[in-house]
Amino acid sequence: MAYTDRFEQAEEYRREELVRRIEHSVENLTLQELEALYYDMSTKNYINEQY
């Protein structure tokens, strides 16, 4: 396995770990905190309103 392959795997693992932690944290937010987070993310264009 090449060094770059190991680096990419480690990066993907870290990404998945961060997503899990963020998902867990978001599940525990109050409605007001969720609304504030949603507003902040939408004003920074992290959320796309198209479904």
C-alpha atoms as a PDB file:
ATOM      1  CA  MET A   1       0.000   0.000   0.000  1.00  0.00           C
ATOM      2  CA  ALA A   2       1.398   3.366  -0.995  1.00  0.00           C
ATOM      3  CA  TYR A   3       1.800   6.188   1.499  1.00  0.00           C
ATOM      4  CA  THR A   4      -0.826   8.265  -0.304  1.00  0.00           C
ATOM      5  CA  ASP A   5      -3.336   5.408  -0.014  1.00  0.00           C
ATOM      6  CA  ARG A   6      -2.788   5.239   3.754  1.00  0.00           C
ATOM      7  CA  PHE A   7      -3.125   9.019   4.015  1.00  0.00           C
ATOM      8  CA  GLU A   8      -6.394   9.000   2.069  1.00  0.00           C
ATOM      9  CA  GLN A   9      -7.783   6.183   4.227  1.00  0.00           C
ATOM     10  CA  ALA A  10      -6.816   8.014   7.408  1.00  0.00           C
ATOM     11  CA  GLU A  11      -8.410  11.195   6.073  1.00  0.00           C
ATOM     12  CA  GLU A  12     -11.632   9.370   5.174  1.00  0.00           C
ATOM     13  CA  TYR A  13     -11.722   7.710   8.612  1.00  0.00           C
ATOM     14  CA  ARG A  14     -11.280  11.091  10.311  1.00  0.00           C
ATOM     15  CA  ARG A  15     -14.052  12.571   8.150  1.00  0.00           C
ATOM     16  CA  GLU A  16     -16.442   9.757   9.101  1.00  0.00           C
ATOM     17  CA  GLU A  17     -15.558  10.180  12.775  1.00  0.00           C
ATOM     18  CA  LEU A  18     -16.285  13.912  12.619  1.00  0.00           C
ATOM     19  CA  VAL A  19     -19.609  13.345  10.851  1.00  0.00           C
ATOM     20  CA  ARG A  20     -20.649  10.841  13.545  1.00  0.00           C
ATOM     21  CA  ARG A  21     -19.754  13.270  16.321  1.00  0.00           C
ATOM     22  CA  ILE A  22     -21.568  16.157  14.643  1.00  0.00           C
ATOM     23  CA  GLU A  23     -24.670  14.027  14.008  1.00  0.00           C
ATOM     24  CA  HIS A  24     -24.737  12.975  17.652  1.00  0.00           C
ATOM     25  CA  SER A  25     -24.368  16.571  18.812  1.00  0.00           C
ATOM     26  CA  VAL A  26     -27.081  17.876  16.485  1.00  0.00           C
ATOM     27  CA  GLU A  27     -29.521  15.250  17.777  1.00  0.00           C
ATOM     28  CA  ASN A  28     -29.168  16.752  21.255  1.00  0.00           C
ATOM     29  CA  LEU A  29     -29.739  20.414  20.305  1.00  0.00           C
ATOM     30  CA  THR A  30     -32.842  22.299  21.369  1.00  0.00           C
ATOM     31  CA  LEU A  31     -35.208  23.729  18.772  1.00  0.00           C
ATOM     32  CA  GLN A  32     -33.802  27.205  19.321  1.00  0.00           C
ATOM     33  CA  GLU A  33     -30.246  25.948  18.880  1.00  0.00           C
ATOM     34  CA  LEU A  34     -31.250  24.092  15.712  1.00  0.00           C
ATOM     35  CA  GLU A  35     -32.892  27.204  14.310  1.00  0.00           C
ATOM     36  CA  ALA A  36     -29.777  29.261  15.062  1.00  0.00           C
ATOM     37  CA  LEU A  37     -27.564  26.626  13.442  1.00  0.00           C
ATOM     38  CA  TYR A  38     -29.849  26.417  10.422  1.00  0.00           C
ATOM     39  CA  TYR A  39     -29.853  30.204  10.017  1.00  0.00           C
ATOM     40  CA  ASP A  40     -26.073  30.394  10.306  1.00  0.00           C
ATOM     41  CA  MET A  41     -25.521  27.584   7.807  1.00  0.00           C
ATOM     42  CA  SER A  42     -28.068  28.938   5.323  1.00  0.00           C
ATOM     43  CA  THR A  43     -26.566  32.446   5.390  1.00  0.00           C
ATOM     44  CA  LYS A  44     -23.167  30.913   4.651  1.00  0.00           C
ATOM     45  CA  ASN A  45     -24.649  28.829   1.804  1.00  0.00           C
ATOM     46  CA  TYR A  46     -23.850  25.486   3.453  1.00  0.00           C
ATOM     47  CA  ILE A  47     -27.508  24.521   3.083  1.00  0.00           C
ATOM     48  CA  ASN A  48     -29.082  24.307  -0.336  1.00  0.00           C
ATOM     49  CA  GLU A  49     -32.859  24.834  -0.272  1.00  0.00           C
ATOM     50  CA  GLN A  50     -33.404  22.647  -3.353  1.00  0.00           C
ATOM     51  CA  TYR A  51     -34.676  19.173  -2.530  1.00  0.00           C
END
